[in-house]
Amino acid sequence: MKTSKDPARIRPFQFHGDYHSVYRLWEEAGQGLHIRRSDRPDEIQKKLQRDPDLFLVAEVNEEIIGNVLGGFDGHRGIMYHLAVDGSYRR
């Protein structure tokens, strides 16, 4: 298990620098997280235009270790993906 004395930093997702790392986390997340057509790069860019504040990443020492992707339909908040690198789960 990886451990770090440095706290995780939460920041907004940045498409060009983060997409591949986040996609890898989704692939490795295990049961419960299903990658779909809406997770393709062009669809994620559309999502960011609609809800730029609802996609966050967690990083330690500039390595992305987690992310959460949410949505809002005007009435309800929805969490689509939540993934944390297995070696940081506790």
C-alpha atoms as a PDB file:
ATOM      1  CA  MET A   1       0.000   0.000   0.000  1.00  0.00           C
ATOM      2  CA  LYS A   2       1.288   3.436  -0.905  1.00  0.00           C
ATOM      3  CA  THR A   3       1.257   5.921   1.878  1.00  0.00           C
ATOM      4  CA  SER A   4       2.226   9.539   1.918  1.00  0.00           C
ATOM      5  CA  LYS A   5       2.670  12.057   4.663  1.00  0.00           C
ATOM      6  CA  ASP A   6       1.633  14.665   2.138  1.00  0.00           C
ATOM      7  CA  PRO A   7      -2.116  15.310   2.117  1.00  0.00           C
ATOM      8  CA  ALA A   8      -4.095  14.831  -1.050  1.00  0.00           C
ATOM      9  CA  ARG A   9      -4.811  18.043  -2.889  1.00  0.00           C
ATOM     10  CA  ILE A  10      -8.268  18.424  -4.475  1.00  0.00           C
ATOM     11  CA  ARG A  11      -8.446  20.499  -7.631  1.00  0.00           C
ATOM     12  CA  PRO A  12     -10.554  20.879 -10.779  1.00  0.00           C
ATOM     13  CA  PHE A  13     -10.004  18.373 -13.585  1.00  0.00           C
ATOM     14  CA  GLN A  14      -7.956  19.775 -16.476  1.00  0.00           C
ATOM     15  CA  PHE A  15      -8.729  17.869 -19.657  1.00  0.00           C
ATOM     16  CA  HIS A  16      -5.388  18.040 -21.463  1.00  0.00           C
ATOM     17  CA  GLY A  17      -3.237  17.108 -18.489  1.00  0.00           C
ATOM     18  CA  ASP A  18      -5.568  14.763 -16.612  1.00  0.00           C
ATOM     19  CA  TYR A  19      -7.748  12.762 -18.994  1.00  0.00           C
ATOM     20  CA  HIS A  20      -5.440   9.773 -19.525  1.00  0.00           C
ATOM     21  CA  SER A  21      -4.618   9.398 -15.817  1.00  0.00           C
ATOM     22  CA  VAL A  22      -8.270   9.623 -14.840  1.00  0.00           C
ATOM     23  CA  TYR A  23      -9.338   7.175 -17.548  1.00  0.00           C
ATOM     24  CA  ARG A  24      -6.732   4.696 -16.258  1.00  0.00           C
ATOM     25  CA  LEU A  25      -8.182   5.023 -12.745  1.00  0.00           C
ATOM     26  CA  TRP A  26     -11.632   4.281 -14.147  1.00  0.00           C
ATOM     27  CA  GLU A  27     -10.315   1.186 -15.925  1.00  0.00           C
ATOM     28  CA  GLU A  28      -8.690  -0.080 -12.728  1.00  0.00           C
ATOM     29  CA  ALA A  29     -11.527   0.838 -10.353  1.00  0.00           C
ATOM     30  CA  GLY A  30     -13.064  -2.618 -10.341  1.00  0.00           C
ATOM     31  CA  GLN A  31     -16.700  -3.580 -10.108  1.00  0.00           C
ATOM     32  CA  GLY A  32     -19.236  -0.812  -9.968  1.00  0.00           C
ATOM     33  CA  LEU A  33     -17.618   1.671 -12.347  1.00  0.00           C
ATOM     34  CA  HIS A  34     -18.580   1.092 -15.961  1.00  0.00           C
ATOM     35  CA  ILE A  35     -16.869   3.035 -18.714  1.00  0.00           C
ATOM     36  CA  ARG A  36     -19.343   4.078 -21.366  1.00  0.00           C
ATOM     37  CA  ARG A  37     -19.509   6.061 -24.575  1.00  0.00           C
ATOM     38  CA  SER A  38     -20.085   9.217 -22.530  1.00  0.00           C
ATOM     39  CA  ASP A  39     -16.562   8.826 -21.095  1.00  0.00           C
ATOM     40  CA  ARG A  40     -14.859   9.309 -24.459  1.00  0.00           C
ATOM     41  CA  PRO A  41     -12.715  12.445 -24.814  1.00  0.00           C
ATOM     42  CA  ASP A  42     -15.217  14.381 -26.956  1.00  0.00           C
ATOM     43  CA  GLU A  43     -18.055  13.646 -24.539  1.00  0.00           C
ATOM     44  CA  ILE A  44     -15.975  14.637 -21.504  1.00  0.00           C
ATOM     45  CA  GLN A  45     -15.160  17.944 -23.192  1.00  0.00           C
ATOM     46  CA  LYS A  46     -18.895  18.562 -23.672  1.00  0.00           C
ATOM     47  CA  LYS A  47     -19.454  17.686 -20.009  1.00  0.00           C
ATOM     48  CA  LEU A  48     -16.834  20.228 -18.947  1.00  0.00           C
ATOM     49  CA  GLN A  49     -18.574  22.947 -20.936  1.00  0.00           C
ATOM     50  CA  ARG A  50     -21.864  22.146 -19.183  1.00  0.00           C
ATOM     51  CA  ASP A  51     -20.618  21.500 -15.614  1.00  0.00           C
ATOM     52  CA  PRO A  52     -16.996  22.655 -15.272  1.00  0.00           C
ATOM     53  CA  ASP A  53     -17.072  22.633 -11.456  1.00  0.00           C
ATOM     54  CA  LEU A  54     -18.344  19.064 -11.114  1.00  0.00           C
ATOM     55  CA  PHE A  55     -15.219  17.133 -12.093  1.00  0.00           C
ATOM     56  CA  LEU A  56     -12.498  17.027  -9.458  1.00  0.00           C
ATOM     57  CA  VAL A  57      -9.247  15.130  -9.039  1.00  0.00           C
ATOM     58  CA  ALA A  58      -7.219  14.261  -5.953  1.00  0.00           C
ATOM     59  CA  GLU A  59      -3.460  14.206  -6.267  1.00  0.00           C
ATOM     60  CA  VAL A  60      -0.467  13.479  -4.075  1.00  0.00           C
ATOM     61  CA  ASN A  61       2.930  14.724  -5.190  1.00  0.00           C
ATOM     62  CA  GLU A  62       1.408  15.688  -8.565  1.00  0.00           C
ATOM     63  CA  GLU A  63       0.148  12.121  -9.182  1.00  0.00           C
ATOM     64  CA  ILE A  64      -3.597  11.740  -9.671  1.00  0.00           C
ATOM     65  CA  ILE A  65      -4.839   9.221  -7.129  1.00  0.00           C
ATOM     66  CA  GLY A  66      -8.587   9.817  -7.316  1.00  0.00           C
ATOM     67  CA  ASN A  67     -11.414  11.615  -9.057  1.00  0.00           C
ATOM     68  CA  VAL A  68     -15.093  12.303  -8.878  1.00  0.00           C
ATOM     69  CA  LEU A  69     -17.337  13.205 -11.810  1.00  0.00           C
ATOM     70  CA  GLY A  70     -20.725  14.662 -11.038  1.00  0.00           C
ATOM     71  CA  GLY A  71     -23.666  16.250 -12.752  1.00  0.00           C
ATOM     72  CA  PHE A  72     -26.595  18.492 -11.978  1.00  0.00           C
ATOM     73  CA  ASP A  73     -29.884  18.441 -13.849  1.00  0.00           C
ATOM     74  CA  GLY A  74     -31.235  21.634 -12.296  1.00  0.00           C
ATOM     75  CA  HIS A  75     -32.916  19.729  -9.494  1.00  0.00           C
ATOM     76  CA  ARG A  76     -30.737  16.791  -8.441  1.00  0.00           C
ATOM     77  CA  GLY A  77     -27.017  16.236  -8.031  1.00  0.00           C
ATOM     78  CA  ILE A  78     -25.656  13.009  -9.502  1.00  0.00           C
ATOM     79  CA  MET A  79     -22.315  11.281  -8.956  1.00  0.00           C
ATOM     80  CA  TYR A  80     -21.363   9.395 -12.107  1.00  0.00           C
ATOM     81  CA  HIS A  81     -17.848   8.196 -11.283  1.00  0.00           C
ATOM     82  CA  LEU A  82     -15.850   8.049  -8.074  1.00  0.00           C
ATOM     83  CA  ALA A  83     -12.500   6.282  -8.280  1.00  0.00           C
ATOM     84  CA  VAL A  84      -9.490   6.101  -5.972  1.00  0.00           C
ATOM     85  CA  ASP A  85      -6.233   4.321  -6.713  1.00  0.00           C
ATOM     86  CA  GLY A  86      -6.430   1.012  -4.819  1.00  0.00           C
ATOM     87  CA  SER A  87      -3.176   1.625  -3.016  1.00  0.00           C
ATOM     88  CA  TYR A  88      -4.580   4.811  -1.441  1.00  0.00           C
ATOM     89  CA  ARG A  89      -7.908   3.417  -0.292  1.00  0.00           C
ATOM     90  CA  ARG A  90      -8.382   3.159   3.450  1.00  0.00           C
END
